[in-house]
C-alpha atoms as a PDB file:
ATOM      1  CA  UNK A   1    -194.448-167.553 -82.643  1.00  0.00           C
ATOM      2  CA  UNK A   2    -191.266-170.514 -83.362  1.00  0.00           C
ATOM      3  CA  UNK A   3    -187.794-167.914 -83.840  1.00  0.00           C
ATOM      4  CA  UNK A   4    -184.936-170.571 -84.940  1.00  0.00           C
ATOM      5  CA  UNK A   5    -181.829-169.403 -85.221  1.00  0.00           C
ATOM      6  CA  UNK A   6    -178.591-171.534 -86.393  1.00  0.00           C
ATOM      7  CA  UNK A   7    -174.726-171.549 -86.595  1.00  0.00           C
ATOM      8  CA  UNK A   8    -174.552-174.191 -88.178  1.00  0.00           C
ATOM      9  CA  UNK A   9    -170.608-175.799 -88.756  1.00  0.00           C
ATOM     10  CA  UNK A  10    -172.615-179.495 -88.289  1.00  0.00           C
ATOM     11  CA  UNK A  11    -175.167-180.974 -90.003  1.00  0.00           C
ATOM     12  CA  UNK A  12    -178.599-180.813 -88.311  1.00  0.00           C
ATOM     13  CA  UNK A  13    -182.053-181.398 -89.445  1.00  0.00           C
ATOM     14  CA  UNK A  14    -184.775-180.456 -87.688  1.00  0.00           C
ATOM     15  CA  UNK A  15    -188.553-181.557 -88.647  1.00  0.00           C
ATOM     16  CA  UNK A  16    -192.143-180.073 -87.516  1.00  0.00           C
ATOM     17  CA  UNK A  17    -193.484-177.187 -88.792  1.00  0.00           C
ATOM     18  CA  UNK A  18    -190.281-175.940 -91.187  1.00  0.00           C
ATOM     19  CA  UNK A  19    -186.917-178.348 -91.948  1.00  0.00           C
ATOM     20  CA  UNK A  20    -183.834-176.927 -91.916  1.00  0.00           C
ATOM     21  CA  UNK A  21    -180.262-179.216 -93.441  1.00  0.00           C
ATOM     22  CA  UNK A  22    -177.453-176.610 -93.350  1.00  0.00           C
ATOM     23  CA  UNK A  23    -173.707-178.300 -93.491  1.00  0.00           C
ATOM     24  CA  UNK A  24    -170.698-176.242 -92.677  1.00  0.00           C
ATOM     25  CA  UNK A  25    -170.615-172.408 -91.198  1.00  0.00           C
ATOM     26  CA  UNK A  26    -173.879-171.770 -92.751  1.00  0.00           C
ATOM     27  CA  UNK A  27    -176.585-169.269 -91.023  1.00  0.00           C
ATOM     28  CA  UNK A  28    -180.340-170.104 -91.017  1.00  0.00           C
ATOM     29  CA  UNK A  29    -182.648-167.591 -89.103  1.00  0.00           C
ATOM     30  CA  UNK A  30    -186.917-168.375 -89.068  1.00  0.00           C
ATOM     31  CA  UNK A  31    -188.940-166.458 -87.269  1.00  0.00           C
ATOM     32  CA  UNK A  32    -192.677-168.082 -88.079  1.00  0.00           C
ATOM     33  CA  UNK A  33    -195.416-166.723 -86.528  1.00  0.00           C
ATOM     34  CA  UNK A  34    -197.828-168.636 -88.833  1.00  0.00           C
ATOM     35  CA  UNK A  35    -200.348-171.140 -88.762  1.00  0.00           C
ATOM     36  CA  UNK A  36    -200.296-174.187 -90.746  1.00  0.00           C
ATOM     37  CA  UNK A  37    -197.173-173.107 -92.569  1.00  0.00           C
ATOM     38  CA  UNK A  38    -194.579-174.734 -93.611  1.00  0.00           C
ATOM     39  CA  UNK A  39    -190.287-174.119 -94.431  1.00  0.00           C
ATOM     40  CA  UNK A  40    -188.452-176.221 -95.304  1.00  0.00           C
ATOM     41  CA  UNK A  41    -184.655-175.178 -96.332  1.00  0.00           C
ATOM     42  CA  UNK A  42    -181.199-176.740 -96.894  1.00  0.00           C
ATOM     43  CA  UNK A  43    -177.730-175.549 -97.267  1.00  0.00           C
ATOM     44  CA  UNK A  44    -174.659-177.386 -98.682  1.00  0.00           C
ATOM     45  CA  UNK A  45    -172.247-175.908 -98.593  1.00  0.00           C
ATOM     46  CA  UNK A  46    -169.932-172.996 -96.977  1.00  0.00           C
ATOM     47  CA  UNK A  47    -171.298-169.061 -95.406  1.00  0.00           C
ATOM     48  CA  UNK A  48    -174.622-169.807 -96.467  1.00  0.00           C
ATOM     49  CA  UNK A  49    -177.237-167.082 -95.562  1.00  0.00           C
ATOM     50  CA  UNK A  50    -180.469-167.174 -95.474  1.00  0.00           C
ATOM     51  CA  UNK A  51    -182.965-165.009 -93.573  1.00  0.00           C
ATOM     52  CA  UNK A  52    -186.681-166.147 -93.312  1.00  0.00           C
ATOM     53  CA  UNK A  53    -190.456-163.957 -91.354  1.00  0.00           C
ATOM     54  CA  UNK A  54    -192.840-165.803 -91.922  1.00  0.00           C
ATOM     55  CA  UNK A  55    -196.479-164.361 -90.763  1.00  0.00           C
ATOM     56  CA  UNK A  56    -199.800-164.978 -91.814  1.00  0.00           C
ATOM     57  CA  UNK A  57    -201.942-168.674 -92.738  1.00  0.00           C
ATOM     58  CA  UNK A  58    -201.153-170.892 -95.284  1.00  0.00           C
ATOM     59  CA  UNK A  59    -197.560-170.066 -96.943  1.00  0.00           C
ATOM     60  CA  UNK A  60    -195.255-172.691 -97.913  1.00  0.00           C
ATOM     61  CA  UNK A  61    -191.433-171.610 -98.308  1.00  0.00           C
ATOM     62  CA  UNK A  62    -189.227-173.686 -99.329  1.00  0.00           C
ATOM     63  CA  UNK A  63    -186.012-173.169-100.344  1.00  0.00           C
ATOM     64  CA  UNK A  64    -181.992-174.190-101.098  1.00  0.00           C
ATOM     65  CA  UNK A  65    -179.382-173.056-101.579  1.00  0.00           C
ATOM     66  CA  UNK A  66    -175.993-175.182-102.152  1.00  0.00           C
ATOM     67  CA  UNK A  67    -172.276-173.594-103.043  1.00  0.00           C
ATOM     68  CA  UNK A  68    -171.048-170.564-101.003  1.00  0.00           C
ATOM     69  CA  UNK A  69    -171.628-166.626 -99.207  1.00  0.00           C
ATOM     70  CA  UNK A  70    -175.357-167.292-101.314  1.00  0.00           C
ATOM     71  CA  UNK A  71    -177.299-165.000 -99.211  1.00  0.00           C
ATOM     72  CA  UNK A  72    -181.479-165.137 -98.932  1.00  0.00           C
ATOM     73  CA  UNK A  73    -184.039-162.915 -97.035  1.00  0.00           C
ATOM     74  CA  UNK A  74    -188.143-164.282 -97.783  1.00  0.00           C
ATOM     75  CA  UNK A  75    -190.671-162.072 -96.006  1.00  0.00           C
ATOM     76  CA  UNK A  76    -194.025-163.712 -96.471  1.00  0.00           C
ATOM     77  CA  UNK A  77    -197.349-162.633 -95.178  1.00  0.00           C
ATOM     78  CA  UNK A  78    -200.652-163.280 -96.106  1.00  0.00           C
ATOM     79  CA  UNK A  79    -203.263-166.412 -97.066  1.00  0.00           C
ATOM     80  CA  UNK A  80    -201.664-169.555 -98.694  1.00  0.00           C
ATOM     81  CA  UNK A  81    -198.282-167.508-100.240  1.00  0.00           C
ATOM     82  CA  UNK A  82    -196.035-169.741-101.676  1.00  0.00           C
ATOM     83  CA  UNK A  83    -191.912-169.103-102.997  1.00  0.00           C
ATOM     84  CA  UNK A  84    -189.424-172.203-104.013  1.00  0.00           C
ATOM     85  CA  UNK A  85    -185.951-170.556-104.631  1.00  0.00           C
ATOM     86  CA  UNK A  86    -183.322-172.110-105.435  1.00  0.00           C
ATOM     87  CA  UNK A  87    -179.130-170.698-105.205  1.00  0.00           C
ATOM     88  CA  UNK A  88    -176.386-172.961-106.983  1.00  0.00           C
ATOM     89  CA  UNK A  89    -173.249-170.914-107.493  1.00  0.00           C
ATOM     90  CA  UNK A  90    -171.689-168.065-104.935  1.00  0.00           C
ATOM     91  CA  UNK A  91    -172.039-165.314-104.064  1.00  0.00           C
ATOM     92  CA  UNK A  92    -176.113-165.092-105.359  1.00  0.00           C
ATOM     93  CA  UNK A  93    -177.769-162.426-103.120  1.00  0.00           C
ATOM     94  CA  UNK A  94    -181.686-163.037-103.311  1.00  0.00           C
ATOM     95  CA  UNK A  95    -184.036-160.422-101.494  1.00  0.00           C
ATOM     96  CA  UNK A  96    -188.862-161.584-101.343  1.00  0.00           C
ATOM     97  CA  UNK A  97    -191.567-160.122 -99.694  1.00  0.00           C
ATOM     98  CA  UNK A  98    -194.729-161.658-100.653  1.00  0.00           C
ATOM     99  CA  UNK A  99    -197.706-159.188 -99.362  1.00  0.00           C
ATOM    100  CA  UNK A 100    -200.923-160.752 -99.491  1.00  0.00           C
ATOM    101  CA  UNK A 101    -202.617-163.554-100.664  1.00  0.00           C
ATOM    102  CA  UNK A 102    -201.888-167.021-103.627  1.00  0.00           C
ATOM    103  CA  UNK A 103    -199.255-165.331-104.537  1.00  0.00           C
ATOM    104  CA  UNK A 104    -196.614-167.285-106.456  1.00  0.00           C
ATOM    105  CA  UNK A 105    -192.676-166.868-107.133  1.00  0.00           C
ATOM    106  CA  UNK A 106    -190.569-169.934-108.238  1.00  0.00           C
ATOM    107  CA  UNK A 107    -186.548-168.513-108.388  1.00  0.00           C
ATOM    108  CA  UNK A 108    -184.010-169.937-109.962  1.00  0.00           C
ATOM    109  CA  UNK A 109    -179.632-167.840-109.638  1.00  0.00           C
ATOM    110  CA  UNK A 110    -177.677-170.350-111.059  1.00  0.00           C
ATOM    111  CA  UNK A 111    -174.262-169.182-111.392  1.00  0.00           C
ATOM    112  CA  UNK A 112    -172.639-166.220-109.682  1.00  0.00           C
ATOM    113  CA  UNK A 113    -172.747-162.431-108.340  1.00  0.00           C
ATOM    114  CA  UNK A 114    -176.736-162.885-109.527  1.00  0.00           C
ATOM    115  CA  UNK A 115    -179.068-160.044-107.494  1.00  0.00           C
ATOM    116  CA  UNK A 116    -182.656-160.079-107.938  1.00  0.00           C
ATOM    117  CA  UNK A 117    -185.428-158.254-105.713  1.00  0.00           C
ATOM    118  CA  UNK A 118    -189.130-159.110-105.868  1.00  0.00           C
ATOM    119  CA  UNK A 119    -191.975-157.556-104.076  1.00  0.00           C
ATOM    120  CA  UNK A 120    -195.269-159.204-104.666  1.00  0.00           C
ATOM    121  CA  UNK A 121    -198.040-157.047-102.705  1.00  0.00           C
ATOM    122  CA  UNK A 122    -201.264-158.005-103.884  1.00  0.00           C
ATOM    123  CA  UNK A 123    -203.000-160.976-104.866  1.00  0.00           C
ATOM    124  CA  UNK A 124    -203.179-164.438-107.681  1.00  0.00           C
ATOM    125  CA  UNK A 125    -199.231-162.794-108.608  1.00  0.00           C
ATOM    126  CA  UNK A 126    -197.076-165.556-110.314  1.00  0.00           C
ATOM    127  CA  UNK A 127    -193.379-164.071-110.599  1.00  0.00           C
ATOM    128  CA  UNK A 128    -191.016-167.047-112.654  1.00  0.00           C
ATOM    129  CA  UNK A 129    -187.719-165.712-112.711  1.00  0.00           C
ATOM    130  CA  UNK A 130    -184.313-167.777-113.175  1.00  0.00           C
ATOM    131  CA  UNK A 131    -181.127-166.178-113.391  1.00  0.00           C
ATOM    132  CA  UNK A 132    -178.041-167.706-115.328  1.00  0.00           C
ATOM    133  CA  UNK A 133    -174.834-166.981-115.627  1.00  0.00           C
ATOM    134  CA  UNK A 134    -173.138-164.128-113.221  1.00  0.00           C
ATOM    135  CA  UNK A 135    -173.350-160.188-112.413  1.00  0.00           C
ATOM    136  CA  UNK A 136    -177.092-160.486-113.895  1.00  0.00           C
ATOM    137  CA  UNK A 137    -179.048-157.868-111.846  1.00  0.00           C
ATOM    138  CA  UNK A 138    -183.415-158.043-111.524  1.00  0.00           C
ATOM    139  CA  UNK A 139    -185.650-155.671-110.202  1.00  0.00           C
ATOM    140  CA  UNK A 140    -189.320-156.636-109.977  1.00  0.00           C
ATOM    141  CA  UNK A 141    -192.342-155.053-107.839  1.00  0.00           C
ATOM    142  CA  UNK A 142    -195.819-156.702-108.428  1.00  0.00           C
ATOM    143  CA  UNK A 143    -198.555-153.926-107.244  1.00  0.00           C
ATOM    144  CA  UNK A 144    -202.250-155.621-107.445  1.00  0.00           C
ATOM    145  CA  UNK A 145    -203.661-158.667-108.307  1.00  0.00           C
ATOM    146  CA  UNK A 146    -203.511-161.077-110.983  1.00  0.00           C
ATOM    147  CA  UNK A 147    -199.927-160.550-112.240  1.00  0.00           C
ATOM    148  CA  UNK A 148    -197.871-162.953-114.444  1.00  0.00           C
ATOM    149  CA  UNK A 149    -194.194-162.513-115.169  1.00  0.00           C
ATOM    150  CA  UNK A 150    -191.923-164.603-116.230  1.00  0.00           C
ATOM    151  CA  UNK A 151    -187.809-163.282-116.969  1.00  0.00           C
ATOM    152  CA  UNK A 152    -185.153-164.975-118.051  1.00  0.00           C
ATOM    153  CA  UNK A 153    -181.079-164.409-117.979  1.00  0.00           C
ATOM    154  CA  UNK A 154    -178.165-165.797-119.774  1.00  0.00           C
END
């Protein structure tokens, strides 16, 4: 098990199975209990928070946070799951949960005070989610196999 907890006031860069860069008073909590998996994270701004739990095998998480007061909570368990989460702006919140195998989530939040809750429970599900602007709310549950959803909020 790899556990990483960062409370950053200066630039930090770590490499290995996980890579993180952070600047200002940001937090990046990582609990990685997986084989052949990777987490890549970057935080540029202030008061950014990331909480990641990664279990299973061959999972990939790529998180980028830019702006102020964005928060991401990510949980990934299973085989060959992928998450790409990008937050640009301020006070955006995303909660992403993946259980099962071969699931994919591609998420962009650009603006202010957007909220998103995404659950994938099953296998071979895909989600393409984009939030532009302010005060958008989205909740999606994919429960089953071979489902696909694409949502753009403007």
